[in-house]
């Protein structure tokens, strides 16, 4: 077993894109923002935290050979694409678009939803050129439990991913609750809302901060206030 390594990525250090009605914090190099040491974490090549005002969004644009996972933290997001019926996604619902051989889609704040915040992750798929697919599913999130939401291998997850080694899980933790994180070759932990208390790993983590672990084992975190954690595990 290789020694555990941990990297802390603070929201204040993220690449930022500001446009009319939009603020995006990029967890990895994206567009004009480039850092050769921060282009991916395993198959994760994009981790964007978007805040859109009412009526704003992303007009039609294309993707090829990428798994796009969307998790809404507040508000509601309407999705349309060139291959499937559209839908609206709110908190507690996961959306996965497998772009495959190519798809054009758009994402906008749902009418009357108000300011909408969502996290979107892009993964490299195992196979290229597949038929595009789309899935959306509600997720039950009991307090204090880490629930698999989308996965390439976990049958308990609500939605299937085209990246076999990836699993996305979510935990809603009451203040003071400690959560044991999964053991994994790669582990990405993002504070969607709330905060984590100081630990042996770092001073307190706040909303928008992240851990990146390599060869994690036996790691625990504790919520300082009611907290929503977004957790990715990768088998390689």
C-alpha atoms as a PDB file:
ATOM      1  CA  UNK A   1       0.000   0.000   0.000  1.00  0.00           C
ATOM      2  CA  UNK A   2       1.332   3.414  -0.993  1.00  0.00           C
ATOM      3  CA  UNK A   3       1.232   6.127   1.688  1.00  0.00           C
ATOM      4  CA  UNK A   4      -1.929   8.232   1.786  1.00  0.00           C
ATOM      5  CA  UNK A   5      -1.546  11.670   0.231  1.00  0.00           C
ATOM      6  CA  UNK A   6      -4.037  14.503   0.613  1.00  0.00           C
ATOM      7  CA  UNK A   7      -4.363  17.791  -1.230  1.00  0.00           C
ATOM      8  CA  UNK A   8      -6.646  20.566   0.010  1.00  0.00           C
ATOM      9  CA  UNK A   9      -8.197  22.781  -2.642  1.00  0.00           C
ATOM     10  CA  UNK A  10      -9.802  25.940  -1.252  1.00  0.00           C
ATOM     11  CA  UNK A  11     -12.708  27.716  -2.926  1.00  0.00           C
ATOM     12  CA  UNK A  12     -10.710  30.925  -2.694  1.00  0.00           C
ATOM     13  CA  UNK A  13      -8.004  29.394  -4.904  1.00  0.00           C
ATOM     14  CA  UNK A  14     -10.348  28.113  -7.644  1.00  0.00           C
ATOM     15  CA  UNK A  15     -10.299  29.524 -11.153  1.00  0.00           C
ATOM     16  CA  UNK A  16     -13.261  31.902 -11.484  1.00  0.00           C
ATOM     17  CA  UNK A  17     -15.393  32.884 -14.481  1.00  0.00           C
ATOM     18  CA  UNK A  18     -17.746  35.835 -14.028  1.00  0.00           C
ATOM     19  CA  UNK A  19     -20.292  36.789 -16.634  1.00  0.00           C
ATOM     20  CA  UNK A  20     -23.637  38.552 -16.504  1.00  0.00           C
ATOM     21  CA  UNK A  21     -25.862  36.399 -14.324  1.00  0.00           C
ATOM     22  CA  UNK A  22     -23.217  33.701 -13.740  1.00  0.00           C
ATOM     23  CA  UNK A  23     -20.394  32.906 -11.361  1.00  0.00           C
ATOM     24  CA  UNK A  24     -18.448  29.680 -11.897  1.00  0.00           C
ATOM     25  CA  UNK A  25     -15.653  28.254  -9.772  1.00  0.00           C
ATOM     26  CA  UNK A  26     -13.561  25.732 -11.717  1.00  0.00           C
ATOM     27  CA  UNK A  27     -11.872  22.940  -9.761  1.00  0.00           C
ATOM     28  CA  UNK A  28      -9.599  22.116 -12.728  1.00  0.00           C
ATOM     29  CA  UNK A  29      -8.058  23.904 -15.678  1.00  0.00           C
ATOM     30  CA  UNK A  30     -10.861  25.037 -17.952  1.00  0.00           C
ATOM     31  CA  UNK A  31     -10.967  27.223 -21.054  1.00  0.00           C
ATOM     32  CA  UNK A  32      -8.647  30.212 -20.585  1.00  0.00           C
ATOM     33  CA  UNK A  33      -7.784  29.064 -17.054  1.00  0.00           C
ATOM     34  CA  UNK A  34      -4.793  26.739 -17.256  1.00  0.00           C
ATOM     35  CA  UNK A  35      -2.524  25.106 -14.713  1.00  0.00           C
ATOM     36  CA  UNK A  36      -0.515  22.147 -16.075  1.00  0.00           C
ATOM     37  CA  UNK A  37      -0.504  20.603 -12.595  1.00  0.00           C
ATOM     38  CA  UNK A  38      -4.286  20.752 -12.285  1.00  0.00           C
ATOM     39  CA  UNK A  39      -5.928  19.244 -15.351  1.00  0.00           C
ATOM     40  CA  UNK A  40      -7.525  16.070 -13.964  1.00  0.00           C
ATOM     41  CA  UNK A  41      -7.935  13.740 -11.006  1.00  0.00           C
ATOM     42  CA  UNK A  42      -8.202  10.221 -12.370  1.00  0.00           C
ATOM     43  CA  UNK A  43     -11.049  10.314 -14.936  1.00  0.00           C
ATOM     44  CA  UNK A  44     -12.425  13.586 -13.475  1.00  0.00           C
ATOM     45  CA  UNK A  45     -11.521  16.364 -15.911  1.00  0.00           C
ATOM     46  CA  UNK A  46     -13.976  19.060 -14.827  1.00  0.00           C
ATOM     47  CA  UNK A  47     -15.507  19.997 -11.463  1.00  0.00           C
ATOM     48  CA  UNK A  48     -17.491  23.236 -11.821  1.00  0.00           C
ATOM     49  CA  UNK A  49     -19.572  24.974  -9.167  1.00  0.00           C
ATOM     50  CA  UNK A  50     -22.071  27.223 -10.974  1.00  0.00           C
ATOM     51  CA  UNK A  51     -24.285  29.963  -9.585  1.00  0.00           C
ATOM     52  CA  UNK A  52     -26.830  31.279 -12.095  1.00  0.00           C
ATOM     53  CA  UNK A  53     -29.361  34.042 -11.574  1.00  0.00           C
ATOM     54  CA  UNK A  54     -32.959  33.662 -12.709  1.00  0.00           C
ATOM     55  CA  UNK A  55     -33.370  33.315 -16.455  1.00  0.00           C
ATOM     56  CA  UNK A  56     -29.668  32.652 -17.048  1.00  0.00           C
ATOM     57  CA  UNK A  57     -27.875  29.550 -18.274  1.00  0.00           C
ATOM     58  CA  UNK A  58     -25.902  27.939 -21.058  1.00  0.00           C
ATOM     59  CA  UNK A  59     -27.335  28.055 -24.587  1.00  0.00           C
ATOM     60  CA  UNK A  60     -27.018  25.127 -26.996  1.00  0.00           C
ATOM     61  CA  UNK A  61     -23.482  23.742 -27.113  1.00  0.00           C
ATOM     62  CA  UNK A  62     -22.021  20.391 -28.091  1.00  0.00           C
ATOM     63  CA  UNK A  63     -20.140  17.628 -26.272  1.00  0.00           C
ATOM     64  CA  UNK A  64     -18.487  14.420 -27.447  1.00  0.00           C
ATOM     65  CA  UNK A  65     -17.244  11.450 -25.391  1.00  0.00           C
ATOM     66  CA  UNK A  66     -17.769  12.785 -21.888  1.00  0.00           C
ATOM     67  CA  UNK A  67     -19.927  11.741 -18.922  1.00  0.00           C
ATOM     68  CA  UNK A  68     -21.642  14.856 -17.502  1.00  0.00           C
ATOM     69  CA  UNK A  69     -23.004  14.514 -13.960  1.00  0.00           C
ATOM     70  CA  UNK A  70     -25.123  17.333 -12.511  1.00  0.00           C
ATOM     71  CA  UNK A  71     -26.153  17.819  -8.870  1.00  0.00           C
ATOM     72  CA  UNK A  72     -28.294  20.818  -7.906  1.00  0.00           C
ATOM     73  CA  UNK A  73     -27.721  22.356  -4.474  1.00  0.00           C
ATOM     74  CA  UNK A  74     -30.493  24.949  -4.662  1.00  0.00           C
ATOM     75  CA  UNK A  75     -32.960  26.218  -7.226  1.00  0.00           C
ATOM     76  CA  UNK A  76     -33.834  24.229 -10.344  1.00  0.00           C
ATOM     77  CA  UNK A  77     -32.165  23.638 -13.705  1.00  0.00           C
ATOM     78  CA  UNK A  78     -33.902  22.824 -16.991  1.00  0.00           C
ATOM     79  CA  UNK A  79     -32.039  20.533 -19.409  1.00  0.00           C
ATOM     80  CA  UNK A  80     -32.698  20.063 -23.121  1.00  0.00           C
ATOM     81  CA  UNK A  81     -30.656  18.130 -25.659  1.00  0.00           C
ATOM     82  CA  UNK A  82     -30.741  16.999 -29.262  1.00  0.00           C
ATOM     83  CA  UNK A  83     -31.303  13.309 -28.515  1.00  0.00           C
ATOM     84  CA  UNK A  84     -33.699  13.082 -25.542  1.00  0.00           C
ATOM     85  CA  UNK A  85     -36.746  14.723 -23.959  1.00  0.00           C
ATOM     86  CA  UNK A  86     -35.854  17.591 -21.664  1.00  0.00           C
ATOM     87  CA  UNK A  87     -36.332  17.743 -17.909  1.00  0.00           C
ATOM     88  CA  UNK A  88     -35.990  19.883 -14.813  1.00  0.00           C
ATOM     89  CA  UNK A  89     -33.607  18.931 -12.023  1.00  0.00           C
ATOM     90  CA  UNK A  90     -33.760  20.209  -8.443  1.00  0.00           C
ATOM     91  CA  UNK A  91     -32.044  19.319  -5.162  1.00  0.00           C
ATOM     92  CA  UNK A  92     -32.049  15.607  -4.403  1.00  0.00           C
ATOM     93  CA  UNK A  93     -32.138  14.583  -8.068  1.00  0.00           C
ATOM     94  CA  UNK A  94     -29.157  13.410 -10.107  1.00  0.00           C
ATOM     95  CA  UNK A  95     -28.741  13.955 -13.842  1.00  0.00           C
ATOM     96  CA  UNK A  96     -26.287  12.139 -16.114  1.00  0.00           C
ATOM     97  CA  UNK A  97     -25.748  12.930 -19.788  1.00  0.00           C
ATOM     98  CA  UNK A  98     -23.453  10.525 -21.633  1.00  0.00           C
ATOM     99  CA  UNK A  99     -22.422  12.530 -24.695  1.00  0.00           C
ATOM    100  CA  UNK A 100     -20.935   9.587 -26.574  1.00  0.00           C
ATOM    101  CA  UNK A 101     -20.711  10.175 -30.326  1.00  0.00           C
ATOM    102  CA  UNK A 102     -22.057  13.695 -29.917  1.00  0.00           C
ATOM    103  CA  UNK A 103     -24.951  15.669 -28.447  1.00  0.00           C
ATOM    104  CA  UNK A 104     -26.057  19.297 -28.333  1.00  0.00           C
ATOM    105  CA  UNK A 105     -27.590  20.443 -25.061  1.00  0.00           C
ATOM    106  CA  UNK A 106     -28.612  23.526 -23.102  1.00  0.00           C
ATOM    107  CA  UNK A 107     -29.034  24.222 -19.379  1.00  0.00           C
ATOM    108  CA  UNK A 108     -30.994  27.166 -18.003  1.00  0.00           C
ATOM    109  CA  UNK A 109     -32.496  28.157 -14.690  1.00  0.00           C
ATOM    110  CA  UNK A 110     -36.065  26.881 -14.581  1.00  0.00           C
ATOM    111  CA  UNK A 111     -38.770  29.570 -14.760  1.00  0.00           C
ATOM    112  CA  UNK A 112     -39.477  31.081 -11.331  1.00  0.00           C
ATOM    113  CA  UNK A 113     -36.681  28.988  -9.727  1.00  0.00           C
ATOM    114  CA  UNK A 114     -34.618  32.002  -8.714  1.00  0.00           C
ATOM    115  CA  UNK A 115     -30.873  31.826  -8.164  1.00  0.00           C
ATOM    116  CA  UNK A 116     -29.703  28.277  -8.867  1.00  0.00           C
ATOM    117  CA  UNK A 117     -26.481  26.653  -7.733  1.00  0.00           C
ATOM    118  CA  UNK A 118     -25.273  23.317  -9.085  1.00  0.00           C
ATOM    119  CA  UNK A 119     -22.106  21.268  -9.287  1.00  0.00           C
ATOM    120  CA  UNK A 120     -21.247  19.621 -12.588  1.00  0.00           C
ATOM    121  CA  UNK A 121     -18.556  17.010 -13.079  1.00  0.00           C
ATOM    122  CA  UNK A 122     -17.172  15.688 -16.361  1.00  0.00           C
ATOM    123  CA  UNK A 123     -15.583  12.249 -16.580  1.00  0.00           C
ATOM    124  CA  UNK A 124     -13.734  10.517 -19.380  1.00  0.00           C
ATOM    125  CA  UNK A 125     -15.747   7.419 -20.388  1.00  0.00           C
ATOM    126  CA  UNK A 126     -14.359   3.927 -20.827  1.00  0.00           C
ATOM    127  CA  UNK A 127     -15.644   3.654 -24.406  1.00  0.00           C
ATOM    128  CA  UNK A 128     -15.683   6.301 -27.118  1.00  0.00           C
ATOM    129  CA  UNK A 129     -18.300   6.913 -29.771  1.00  0.00           C
ATOM    130  CA  UNK A 130     -21.209   5.278 -27.951  1.00  0.00           C
ATOM    131  CA  UNK A 131     -24.854   6.228 -28.518  1.00  0.00           C
ATOM    132  CA  UNK A 132     -25.681   9.272 -26.374  1.00  0.00           C
ATOM    133  CA  UNK A 133     -27.857   8.589 -23.335  1.00  0.00           C
ATOM    134  CA  UNK A 134     -29.597  10.620 -20.642  1.00  0.00           C
ATOM    135  CA  UNK A 135     -30.831   9.674 -17.191  1.00  0.00           C
ATOM    136  CA  UNK A 136     -32.363  11.538 -14.278  1.00  0.00           C
ATOM    137  CA  UNK A 137     -33.443  10.047 -10.950  1.00  0.00           C
ATOM    138  CA  UNK A 138     -34.539  11.181  -7.484  1.00  0.00           C
ATOM    139  CA  UNK A 139     -32.325  10.112  -4.581  1.00  0.00           C
ATOM    140  CA  UNK A 140     -33.301   9.427  -0.962  1.00  0.00           C
ATOM    141  CA  UNK A 141     -30.711  10.924   1.410  1.00  0.00           C
ATOM    142  CA  UNK A 142     -31.204   9.872   5.051  1.00  0.00           C
ATOM    143  CA  UNK A 143     -29.346  12.099   7.510  1.00  0.00           C
ATOM    144  CA  UNK A 144     -25.796  11.025   8.214  1.00  0.00           C
ATOM    145  CA  UNK A 145     -25.502   8.365   5.496  1.00  0.00           C
ATOM    146  CA  UNK A 146     -23.252   8.305   2.433  1.00  0.00           C
ATOM    147  CA  UNK A 147     -25.565   7.320  -0.420  1.00  0.00           C
ATOM    148  CA  UNK A 148     -24.307   6.151  -3.851  1.00  0.00           C
ATOM    149  CA  UNK A 149     -25.996   8.334  -6.449  1.00  0.00           C
ATOM    150  CA  UNK A 150     -24.326   7.489  -9.778  1.00  0.00           C
ATOM    151  CA  UNK A 151     -21.831   4.739 -10.464  1.00  0.00           C
ATOM    152  CA  UNK A 152     -20.176   2.660 -13.118  1.00  0.00           C
ATOM    153  CA  UNK A 153     -20.240  -0.449 -10.915  1.00  0.00           C
ATOM    154  CA  UNK A 154     -22.384  -0.037  -7.760  1.00  0.00           C
ATOM    155  CA  UNK A 155     -25.859  -1.573  -8.305  1.00  0.00           C
ATOM    156  CA  UNK A 156     -27.260   0.494  -5.427  1.00  0.00           C
ATOM    157  CA  UNK A 157     -26.680   3.783  -7.288  1.00  0.00           C
ATOM    158  CA  UNK A 158     -29.695   5.478  -8.860  1.00  0.00           C
ATOM    159  CA  UNK A 159     -27.990   6.108 -12.220  1.00  0.00           C
ATOM    160  CA  UNK A 160     -25.354   4.238 -14.208  1.00  0.00           C
ATOM    161  CA  UNK A 161     -22.131   5.897 -15.436  1.00  0.00           C
ATOM    162  CA  UNK A 162     -20.062   5.030 -18.490  1.00  0.00           C
ATOM    163  CA  UNK A 163     -16.893   5.150 -16.374  1.00  0.00           C
ATOM    164  CA  UNK A 164     -16.728   1.765 -14.647  1.00  0.00           C
ATOM    165  CA  UNK A 165     -14.376   2.762 -11.844  1.00  0.00           C
ATOM    166  CA  UNK A 166     -16.270   5.896 -10.758  1.00  0.00           C
ATOM    167  CA  UNK A 167     -18.902   6.331  -8.043  1.00  0.00           C
ATOM    168  CA  UNK A 168     -20.570   9.570  -6.977  1.00  0.00           C
ATOM    169  CA  UNK A 169     -22.102   9.609  -3.482  1.00  0.00           C
ATOM    170  CA  UNK A 170     -23.766  12.294  -1.364  1.00  0.00           C
ATOM    171  CA  UNK A 171     -24.086  12.677   2.406  1.00  0.00           C
ATOM    172  CA  UNK A 172     -26.238  15.162   4.307  1.00  0.00           C
ATOM    173  CA  UNK A 173     -24.689  15.449   7.748  1.00  0.00           C
ATOM    174  CA  UNK A 174     -26.256  17.055  10.827  1.00  0.00           C
ATOM    175  CA  UNK A 175     -23.945  19.292  12.866  1.00  0.00           C
ATOM    176  CA  UNK A 176     -21.482  17.203  14.849  1.00  0.00           C
ATOM    177  CA  UNK A 177     -21.970  14.009  12.811  1.00  0.00           C
ATOM    178  CA  UNK A 178     -18.824  12.093  11.831  1.00  0.00           C
ATOM    179  CA  UNK A 179     -18.686  10.228   8.529  1.00  0.00           C
ATOM    180  CA  UNK A 180     -16.253   7.468   7.581  1.00  0.00           C
ATOM    181  CA  UNK A 181     -15.146   8.044   4.005  1.00  0.00           C
ATOM    182  CA  UNK A 182     -14.707   5.127   1.589  1.00  0.00           C
ATOM    183  CA  UNK A 183     -11.270   3.568   1.150  1.00  0.00           C
ATOM    184  CA  UNK A 184     -10.243   4.160  -2.448  1.00  0.00           C
ATOM    185  CA  UNK A 185      -7.207   4.654  -4.688  1.00  0.00           C
ATOM    186  CA  UNK A 186      -8.599   8.119  -5.463  1.00  0.00           C
ATOM    187  CA  UNK A 187     -11.128  10.010  -3.348  1.00  0.00           C
ATOM    188  CA  UNK A 188     -12.525  13.491  -4.064  1.00  0.00           C
ATOM    189  CA  UNK A 189     -14.549  15.130  -1.254  1.00  0.00           C
ATOM    190  CA  UNK A 190     -16.321  18.444  -1.893  1.00  0.00           C
ATOM    191  CA  UNK A 191     -18.126  20.587   0.658  1.00  0.00           C
ATOM    192  CA  UNK A 192     -21.255  21.490  -1.274  1.00  0.00           C
ATOM    193  CA  UNK A 193     -22.836  23.340   1.652  1.00  0.00           C
ATOM    194  CA  UNK A 194     -21.873  23.744   5.288  1.00  0.00           C
ATOM    195  CA  UNK A 195     -18.428  23.149   6.767  1.00  0.00           C
ATOM    196  CA  UNK A 196     -16.153  20.508   8.301  1.00  0.00           C
ATOM    197  CA  UNK A 197     -14.379  20.901  11.622  1.00  0.00           C
ATOM    198  CA  UNK A 198     -10.619  21.128  11.977  1.00  0.00           C
ATOM    199  CA  UNK A 199      -8.941  17.724  11.759  1.00  0.00           C
ATOM    200  CA  UNK A 200      -5.483  16.212  11.599  1.00  0.00           C
ATOM    201  CA  UNK A 201      -5.735  16.716   7.811  1.00  0.00           C
ATOM    202  CA  UNK A 202      -6.469  20.443   7.693  1.00  0.00           C
ATOM    203  CA  UNK A 203      -7.942  23.458   9.388  1.00  0.00           C
ATOM    204  CA  UNK A 204     -11.737  23.696   8.903  1.00  0.00           C
ATOM    205  CA  UNK A 205     -13.091  23.239   5.386  1.00  0.00           C
ATOM    206  CA  UNK A 206     -15.896  25.557   4.244  1.00  0.00           C
ATOM    207  CA  UNK A 207     -18.386  25.573   1.393  1.00  0.00           C
ATOM    208  CA  UNK A 208     -16.604  25.083  -1.929  1.00  0.00           C
ATOM    209  CA  UNK A 209     -13.453  23.553  -0.407  1.00  0.00           C
ATOM    210  CA  UNK A 210     -12.283  20.075  -1.421  1.00  0.00           C
ATOM    211  CA  UNK A 211     -10.058  17.196  -0.374  1.00  0.00           C
ATOM    212  CA  UNK A 212      -8.265  15.067  -2.977  1.00  0.00           C
ATOM    213  CA  UNK A 213      -6.962  11.836  -1.498  1.00  0.00           C
ATOM    214  CA  UNK A 214      -4.723   9.214  -3.077  1.00  0.00           C
ATOM    215  CA  UNK A 215      -4.786   5.714  -1.528  1.00  0.00           C
ATOM    216  CA  UNK A 216      -7.157   6.843   1.214  1.00  0.00           C
ATOM    217  CA  UNK A 217      -7.890   4.477   4.078  1.00  0.00           C
ATOM    218  CA  UNK A 218      -9.675   4.996   7.376  1.00  0.00           C
ATOM    219  CA  UNK A 219     -10.394   8.702   6.828  1.00  0.00           C
ATOM    220  CA  UNK A 220     -13.183  10.369   8.810  1.00  0.00           C
ATOM    221  CA  UNK A 221     -14.657  13.884   8.624  1.00  0.00           C
ATOM    222  CA  UNK A 222     -17.016  15.709  10.992  1.00  0.00           C
ATOM    223  CA  UNK A 223     -19.622  18.323  10.140  1.00  0.00           C
ATOM    224  CA  UNK A 224     -19.309  21.633  11.978  1.00  0.00           C
ATOM    225  CA  UNK A 225     -22.815  22.695  10.878  1.00  0.00           C
ATOM    226  CA  UNK A 226     -25.450  20.961   8.695  1.00  0.00           C
ATOM    227  CA  UNK A 227     -23.365  19.963   5.675  1.00  0.00           C
ATOM    228  CA  UNK A 228     -23.849  18.392   2.255  1.00  0.00           C
ATOM    229  CA  UNK A 229     -20.796  16.456   1.058  1.00  0.00           C
ATOM    230  CA  UNK A 230     -20.267  15.384  -2.545  1.00  0.00           C
ATOM    231  CA  UNK A 231     -17.942  12.387  -2.650  1.00  0.00           C
ATOM    232  CA  UNK A 232     -16.320  10.719  -5.665  1.00  0.00           C
ATOM    233  CA  UNK A 233     -14.353   7.478  -5.513  1.00  0.00           C
ATOM    234  CA  UNK A 234     -12.217   6.131  -8.334  1.00  0.00           C
ATOM    235  CA  UNK A 235     -10.695   2.676  -8.544  1.00  0.00           C
ATOM    236  CA  UNK A 236      -7.695   4.033 -10.466  1.00  0.00           C
END
